[in-house]
N, C-alpha and C. Protein backbone atom coordinates (compact mmCIF):
# COMPACT_ATOMS: atom_id res chain seq x y z
N MET A 1 -2.27 -5.54 3.76
CA MET A 1 -1.27 -4.89 2.95
C MET A 1 -0.33 -4.16 3.90
N ARG A 2 0.93 -4.48 3.89
CA ARG A 2 1.92 -3.79 4.73
C ARG A 2 2.51 -2.65 3.92
N LYS A 3 2.59 -1.50 4.53
CA LYS A 3 3.14 -0.33 3.85
C LYS A 3 4.15 0.38 4.74
N ALA A 4 4.97 -0.38 5.43
CA ALA A 4 6.00 0.23 6.27
C ALA A 4 6.89 1.11 5.41
N GLY A 5 7.19 2.27 5.90
CA GLY A 5 8.04 3.19 5.17
C GLY A 5 7.27 4.25 4.41
N CYS A 6 5.98 4.02 4.13
CA CYS A 6 5.15 5.04 3.49
C CYS A 6 4.79 6.08 4.54
N ASN A 7 4.53 7.31 4.08
CA ASN A 7 4.10 8.30 5.06
C ASN A 7 2.64 8.07 5.42
N ASP A 8 2.22 8.59 6.55
CA ASP A 8 0.88 8.33 7.08
C ASP A 8 -0.22 8.80 6.14
N THR A 9 -0.04 9.95 5.53
CA THR A 9 -1.06 10.48 4.62
C THR A 9 -1.26 9.56 3.43
N GLU A 10 -0.21 9.00 2.90
CA GLU A 10 -0.30 8.07 1.77
C GLU A 10 -1.03 6.79 2.19
N ILE A 11 -0.76 6.30 3.38
CA ILE A 11 -1.44 5.09 3.87
C ILE A 11 -2.94 5.36 4.05
N ILE A 12 -3.29 6.53 4.57
CA ILE A 12 -4.70 6.90 4.72
C ILE A 12 -5.37 6.96 3.36
N ARG A 13 -4.72 7.56 2.38
CA ARG A 13 -5.27 7.67 1.03
C ARG A 13 -5.46 6.29 0.41
N LEU A 14 -4.46 5.42 0.52
CA LEU A 14 -4.57 4.07 -0.03
C LEU A 14 -5.66 3.25 0.67
N GLY A 15 -5.76 3.39 1.98
CA GLY A 15 -6.79 2.68 2.72
C GLY A 15 -8.18 3.09 2.27
N ASN A 16 -8.39 4.37 2.08
CA ASN A 16 -9.69 4.86 1.64
C ASN A 16 -9.98 4.43 0.20
N GLN A 17 -8.98 4.53 -0.65
CA GLN A 17 -9.13 4.18 -2.07
C GLN A 17 -9.49 2.70 -2.24
N THR A 18 -8.93 1.84 -1.41
CA THR A 18 -9.18 0.40 -1.52
C THR A 18 -10.21 -0.10 -0.50
N GLU A 19 -10.83 0.85 0.22
CA GLU A 19 -11.85 0.55 1.22
C GLU A 19 -11.36 -0.44 2.28
N ARG A 20 -10.16 -0.17 2.80
CA ARG A 20 -9.58 -1.02 3.84
C ARG A 20 -9.49 -0.24 5.15
N VAL A 21 -9.56 -0.98 6.23
CA VAL A 21 -9.41 -0.40 7.56
C VAL A 21 -7.94 -0.45 7.94
N ILE A 22 -7.43 0.63 8.50
CA ILE A 22 -6.04 0.71 8.92
C ILE A 22 -5.94 0.20 10.36
N LEU A 23 -5.06 -0.75 10.59
CA LEU A 23 -4.80 -1.30 11.92
C LEU A 23 -3.41 -0.81 12.32
N THR A 24 -3.31 -0.05 13.40
CA THR A 24 -2.05 0.60 13.72
C THR A 24 -1.83 0.76 15.22
N GLU A 25 -0.57 0.90 15.59
CA GLU A 25 -0.18 1.29 16.95
C GLU A 25 0.30 2.74 16.95
N ASP A 26 0.22 3.40 15.81
CA ASP A 26 0.71 4.77 15.63
C ASP A 26 -0.43 5.76 15.89
N ARG A 27 -0.36 6.48 17.00
CA ARG A 27 -1.45 7.40 17.36
C ARG A 27 -1.54 8.61 16.43
N ASP A 28 -0.55 8.84 15.60
CA ASP A 28 -0.59 9.96 14.66
C ASP A 28 -1.73 9.85 13.66
N PHE A 29 -2.14 8.63 13.32
CA PHE A 29 -3.20 8.46 12.32
C PHE A 29 -4.48 9.19 12.72
N CYS A 30 -4.91 9.05 13.96
CA CYS A 30 -6.15 9.70 14.40
C CYS A 30 -6.00 11.22 14.34
N GLN A 31 -4.87 11.72 14.77
CA GLN A 31 -4.64 13.16 14.73
C GLN A 31 -4.66 13.68 13.30
N ILE A 32 -4.00 12.98 12.38
CA ILE A 32 -3.95 13.41 10.98
C ILE A 32 -5.35 13.38 10.37
N ILE A 33 -6.09 12.31 10.59
CA ILE A 33 -7.41 12.17 9.98
C ILE A 33 -8.35 13.29 10.41
N PHE A 34 -8.37 13.60 11.70
CA PHE A 34 -9.34 14.57 12.19
C PHE A 34 -8.88 16.02 12.08
N THR A 35 -7.59 16.28 12.13
CA THR A 35 -7.13 17.67 12.03
C THR A 35 -6.93 18.11 10.59
N GLN A 36 -6.67 17.15 9.69
CA GLN A 36 -6.47 17.51 8.29
C GLN A 36 -7.67 17.12 7.42
N ASN A 37 -8.73 16.61 8.06
CA ASN A 37 -10.00 16.33 7.39
C ASN A 37 -9.86 15.36 6.22
N HIS A 38 -9.16 14.25 6.42
CA HIS A 38 -9.01 13.22 5.39
C HIS A 38 -10.23 12.32 5.37
N GLU A 39 -10.61 11.86 4.18
CA GLU A 39 -11.62 10.82 4.08
C GLU A 39 -10.94 9.49 4.41
N PHE A 40 -11.65 8.61 5.12
CA PHE A 40 -11.06 7.33 5.49
C PHE A 40 -12.16 6.29 5.67
N THR A 41 -11.80 5.03 5.47
CA THR A 41 -12.74 3.94 5.66
C THR A 41 -12.82 3.57 7.13
N GLY A 42 -11.68 3.46 7.79
CA GLY A 42 -11.67 3.14 9.21
C GLY A 42 -10.26 3.02 9.73
N VAL A 43 -10.10 3.26 11.03
CA VAL A 43 -8.81 3.12 11.70
C VAL A 43 -9.06 2.42 13.03
N ILE A 44 -8.30 1.38 13.28
CA ILE A 44 -8.32 0.71 14.58
C ILE A 44 -6.96 0.97 15.21
N TYR A 45 -6.99 1.69 16.32
CA TYR A 45 -5.76 2.02 17.03
C TYR A 45 -5.57 1.05 18.18
N LEU A 46 -4.46 0.33 18.15
CA LEU A 46 -4.12 -0.62 19.21
C LEU A 46 -3.21 0.08 20.21
N ARG A 47 -3.61 0.11 21.45
CA ARG A 47 -2.79 0.73 22.49
C ARG A 47 -1.86 -0.30 23.08
N PRO A 48 -0.59 -0.23 22.78
CA PRO A 48 0.34 -1.19 23.37
C PRO A 48 0.46 -0.97 24.87
N GLY A 49 0.63 -2.06 25.59
CA GLY A 49 0.82 -1.96 27.04
C GLY A 49 -0.47 -1.81 27.82
N SER A 50 -1.59 -2.25 27.25
CA SER A 50 -2.86 -2.19 27.98
C SER A 50 -2.75 -2.98 29.27
N PHE A 51 -3.42 -2.51 30.29
CA PHE A 51 -3.40 -3.19 31.59
C PHE A 51 -4.24 -4.46 31.60
N PHE A 52 -5.18 -4.58 30.70
CA PHE A 52 -6.10 -5.71 30.70
C PHE A 52 -5.63 -6.80 29.75
N SER A 53 -5.42 -7.99 30.26
CA SER A 53 -4.90 -9.09 29.44
C SER A 53 -5.87 -9.48 28.33
N ALA A 54 -7.15 -9.17 28.46
CA ALA A 54 -8.13 -9.49 27.42
C ALA A 54 -7.85 -8.73 26.13
N PHE A 55 -7.08 -7.64 26.21
CA PHE A 55 -6.78 -6.85 25.03
C PHE A 55 -5.48 -7.26 24.35
N HIS A 56 -4.83 -8.28 24.84
CA HIS A 56 -3.56 -8.73 24.24
C HIS A 56 -3.82 -9.87 23.28
N PHE A 57 -3.13 -9.83 22.14
CA PHE A 57 -3.26 -10.88 21.12
C PHE A 57 -2.08 -11.80 21.20
């Protein structure tokens, strides 16, 4: 489900409500989840520009 344009908190809420894992390059998600104590199903943070080619899709 693509939700470009939604704010991060809304995406976290929708992900948890539908039991989906959030796949993102936006490091704000981790900060929001842990500092604002949101419930979440999961977040996979992709670090763009990794030095290791094994991490590139």
